[in-house]
Amino acid sequence: MERIVLTIAILSLALSAFAIKQLHDLRTVYNKIFAYNKSGGEKTDLRHQLEQYSSEVQKCLDQLDQLAGYTAKLHKQIQTSSQKIGLIRFNPFKDTGGDQSFCLTILDAHNTGYCLSSIHTRSGTRVYCKEIQKGKSLHHLSEEEQASITKAISVKY
């Protein structure tokens, strides 16, 4: 019976030593992950790295929000900027040489803008400007002006 008690005591002692070793190893790993650097250097623990990463992610999210606002503002501005151009050169009179006359249409994304026409004759040049709203004019359009508007509307971007 003494042998059994002695064997159990030795096994208990060995098991305790093994448990203490495992606990020591576990504490070492825990300290590497969660404890601050004890040498006084830069913090290298997981908590500090996660906090630093979280801070950097928040800065990126803030910058992304700023860029989204800036992009929306640019998108709104570009809708009303001149984007589509149609140019038609022509000779309105047989007795003058060259295609000195022209129609220039400049439109925004909503096909709103103006059509500028220049008629060149021997006695001078006349310039006309007609407002265009959604691809249409309230004024009578010549064939060349209509062709210029159609050409501008057909521009894809």
Protein backbone atom coordinates (compact mmCIF):
# COMPACT_ATOMS: atom_id res chain seq x y z
CA MET A 1 0.00 0.00 0.00
CA GLU A 2 2.89 2.31 0.69
CA ARG A 3 4.08 1.69 -2.84
CA ILE A 4 0.78 2.78 -4.28
CA VAL A 5 0.78 5.96 -2.20
CA LEU A 6 4.42 6.62 -3.14
CA THR A 7 3.66 6.03 -6.84
CA ILE A 8 0.65 8.33 -6.70
CA ALA A 9 2.75 11.00 -4.94
CA ILE A 10 5.51 10.76 -7.57
CA LEU A 11 2.96 10.91 -10.41
CA SER A 12 1.27 13.89 -8.74
CA LEU A 13 4.63 15.62 -8.42
CA ALA A 14 5.50 14.93 -12.08
CA LEU A 15 2.07 16.09 -13.21
CA SER A 16 2.41 19.26 -11.13
CA ALA A 17 5.85 19.95 -12.64
CA PHE A 18 4.41 19.46 -16.14
CA ALA A 19 1.48 21.80 -15.36
CA ILE A 20 3.84 24.45 -13.98
CA LYS A 21 5.99 24.22 -17.15
CA GLN A 22 2.88 24.55 -19.36
CA LEU A 23 1.69 27.53 -17.31
CA HIS A 24 5.13 29.18 -17.66
CA ASP A 25 5.10 28.67 -21.44
CA LEU A 26 1.55 30.03 -21.65
CA ARG A 27 2.52 33.13 -19.65
CA THR A 28 5.50 33.71 -21.95
CA VAL A 29 3.27 33.61 -25.02
CA TYR A 30 0.67 35.81 -23.29
CA ASN A 31 3.30 38.39 -22.37
CA LYS A 32 4.60 38.48 -25.93
CA ILE A 33 1.12 39.11 -27.26
CA PHE A 34 -0.51 41.36 -24.67
CA ALA A 35 2.23 42.83 -22.46
CA TYR A 36 4.25 45.98 -23.13
CA ASN A 37 7.92 45.73 -24.01
CA LYS A 38 9.62 45.72 -20.64
CA SER A 39 12.96 46.97 -21.96
CA GLY A 40 11.50 50.47 -22.30
CA GLY A 41 11.58 50.45 -26.10
CA GLU A 42 8.74 50.93 -28.50
CA LYS A 43 5.48 49.20 -27.69
CA THR A 44 5.22 46.04 -29.76
CA ASP A 45 2.32 44.24 -28.12
CA LEU A 46 -0.76 43.15 -30.06
CA ARG A 47 -3.05 45.61 -28.28
CA HIS A 48 -0.88 48.55 -29.27
CA GLN A 49 -0.64 47.33 -32.87
CA LEU A 50 -4.42 46.87 -33.07
CA GLU A 51 -5.02 50.37 -31.66
CA GLN A 52 -2.55 51.83 -34.16
CA TYR A 53 -4.16 49.91 -37.03
CA SER A 54 -7.63 51.02 -35.93
CA SER A 55 -6.47 54.65 -35.87
CA GLU A 56 -5.02 54.35 -39.38
CA VAL A 57 -8.22 52.72 -40.68
CA GLN A 58 -10.28 55.58 -39.19
CA LYS A 59 -8.04 58.14 -40.92
CA CYS A 60 -8.54 56.30 -44.23
CA LEU A 61 -12.31 56.25 -43.71
CA ASP A 62 -12.30 59.99 -42.99
CA GLN A 63 -10.28 60.64 -46.17
CA LEU A 64 -12.64 58.41 -48.14
CA ASP A 65 -15.62 60.44 -46.89
CA GLN A 66 -13.87 63.66 -47.96
CA LEU A 67 -13.14 62.20 -51.40
CA ALA A 68 -16.75 61.04 -51.77
CA GLY A 69 -17.97 64.56 -51.01
CA TYR A 70 -15.46 66.07 -53.40
CA THR A 71 -16.44 63.60 -56.14
CA ALA A 72 -20.15 64.37 -55.69
CA LYS A 73 -19.42 68.09 -55.93
CA LEU A 74 -17.38 67.58 -59.12
CA HIS A 75 -20.09 65.38 -60.62
CA LYS A 76 -22.66 68.11 -59.99
CA GLN A 77 -20.41 70.78 -61.51
CA ILE A 78 -19.54 68.76 -64.59
CA GLN A 79 -23.21 68.28 -65.48
CA THR A 80 -23.44 71.99 -66.35
CA SER A 81 -20.01 72.40 -67.94
CA SER A 82 -19.41 72.53 -71.68
CA GLN A 83 -18.85 68.95 -72.82
CA LYS A 84 -20.25 68.43 -76.29
CA ILE A 85 -19.13 70.34 -79.36
CA GLY A 86 -20.46 70.24 -82.90
CA LEU A 87 -18.84 72.25 -85.70
CA ILE A 88 -20.13 72.56 -89.26
CA ARG A 89 -18.29 74.68 -91.84
CA PHE A 90 -20.14 75.71 -94.99
CA ASN A 91 -20.29 78.12 -97.92
CA PRO A 92 -23.71 79.88 -97.96
CA PHE A 93 -23.14 81.65 -101.30
CA LYS A 94 -21.82 80.26 -104.56
CA ASP A 95 -19.96 83.45 -105.48
CA THR A 96 -17.59 83.41 -102.47
CA GLY A 97 -14.70 81.00 -102.15
CA GLY A 98 -14.11 78.51 -99.35
CA ASP A 99 -16.10 77.42 -96.33
CA GLN A 100 -15.61 80.61 -94.35
CA SER A 101 -18.98 80.38 -92.58
CA PHE A 102 -19.61 78.04 -89.66
CA CYS A 103 -22.02 76.88 -86.96
CA LEU A 104 -20.56 75.97 -83.58
CA THR A 105 -22.75 74.29 -80.97
CA ILE A 106 -21.54 73.85 -77.38
CA LEU A 107 -23.71 71.81 -74.98
CA ASP A 108 -23.58 70.45 -71.44
CA ALA A 109 -24.61 66.94 -70.26
CA HIS A 110 -28.29 67.95 -70.49
CA ASN A 111 -27.90 69.15 -74.11
CA THR A 112 -28.29 72.75 -72.98
CA GLY A 113 -26.03 75.50 -74.31
CA TYR A 114 -25.82 77.65 -77.40
CA CYS A 115 -25.32 77.57 -81.16
CA LEU A 116 -23.03 80.25 -82.58
CA SER A 117 -23.38 80.93 -86.31
CA SER A 118 -21.08 83.03 -88.45
CA ILE A 119 -22.10 83.97 -92.00
CA HIS A 120 -19.25 85.30 -94.12
CA THR A 121 -20.02 87.41 -97.20
CA ARG A 122 -18.00 89.74 -99.41
CA SER A 123 -19.39 92.75 -97.58
CA GLY A 124 -18.74 91.42 -94.06
CA THR A 125 -19.35 88.75 -91.48
CA ARG A 126 -22.44 88.41 -89.32
CA VAL A 127 -22.53 86.41 -86.09
CA TYR A 128 -25.67 84.99 -84.46
CA CYS A 129 -26.11 83.11 -81.21
CA LYS A 130 -29.12 80.94 -80.39
CA GLU A 131 -29.87 79.40 -77.01
CA ILE A 132 -30.36 75.62 -76.89
CA GLN A 133 -32.45 73.99 -74.12
CA LYS A 134 -32.47 70.17 -73.93
CA GLY A 135 -31.45 69.89 -77.58
CA LYS A 136 -34.10 72.32 -78.90
CA SER A 137 -34.11 76.00 -79.80
CA LEU A 138 -36.97 78.50 -79.50
CA HIS A 139 -35.63 80.19 -82.64
CA HIS A 140 -35.78 79.01 -86.22
CA LEU A 141 -32.69 76.96 -87.11
CA SER A 142 -30.94 76.70 -90.46
CA GLU A 143 -29.96 73.29 -91.83
CA GLU A 144 -26.34 73.92 -90.83
CA GLU A 145 -27.31 74.97 -87.29
CA GLN A 146 -29.49 71.86 -86.89
CA ALA A 147 -26.63 69.70 -88.22
CA SER A 148 -24.24 71.30 -85.73
CA ILE A 149 -26.66 70.64 -82.84
CA THR A 150 -27.20 67.03 -83.95
CA LYS A 151 -23.43 66.53 -84.18
CA ALA A 152 -22.93 67.92 -80.66
CA ILE A 153 -25.73 65.81 -79.18
CA SER A 154 -24.25 62.67 -80.70
CA VAL A 155 -20.94 63.15 -78.82
CA LYS A 156 -20.51 60.34 -76.30
CA TYR A 157 -18.18 60.71 -73.36
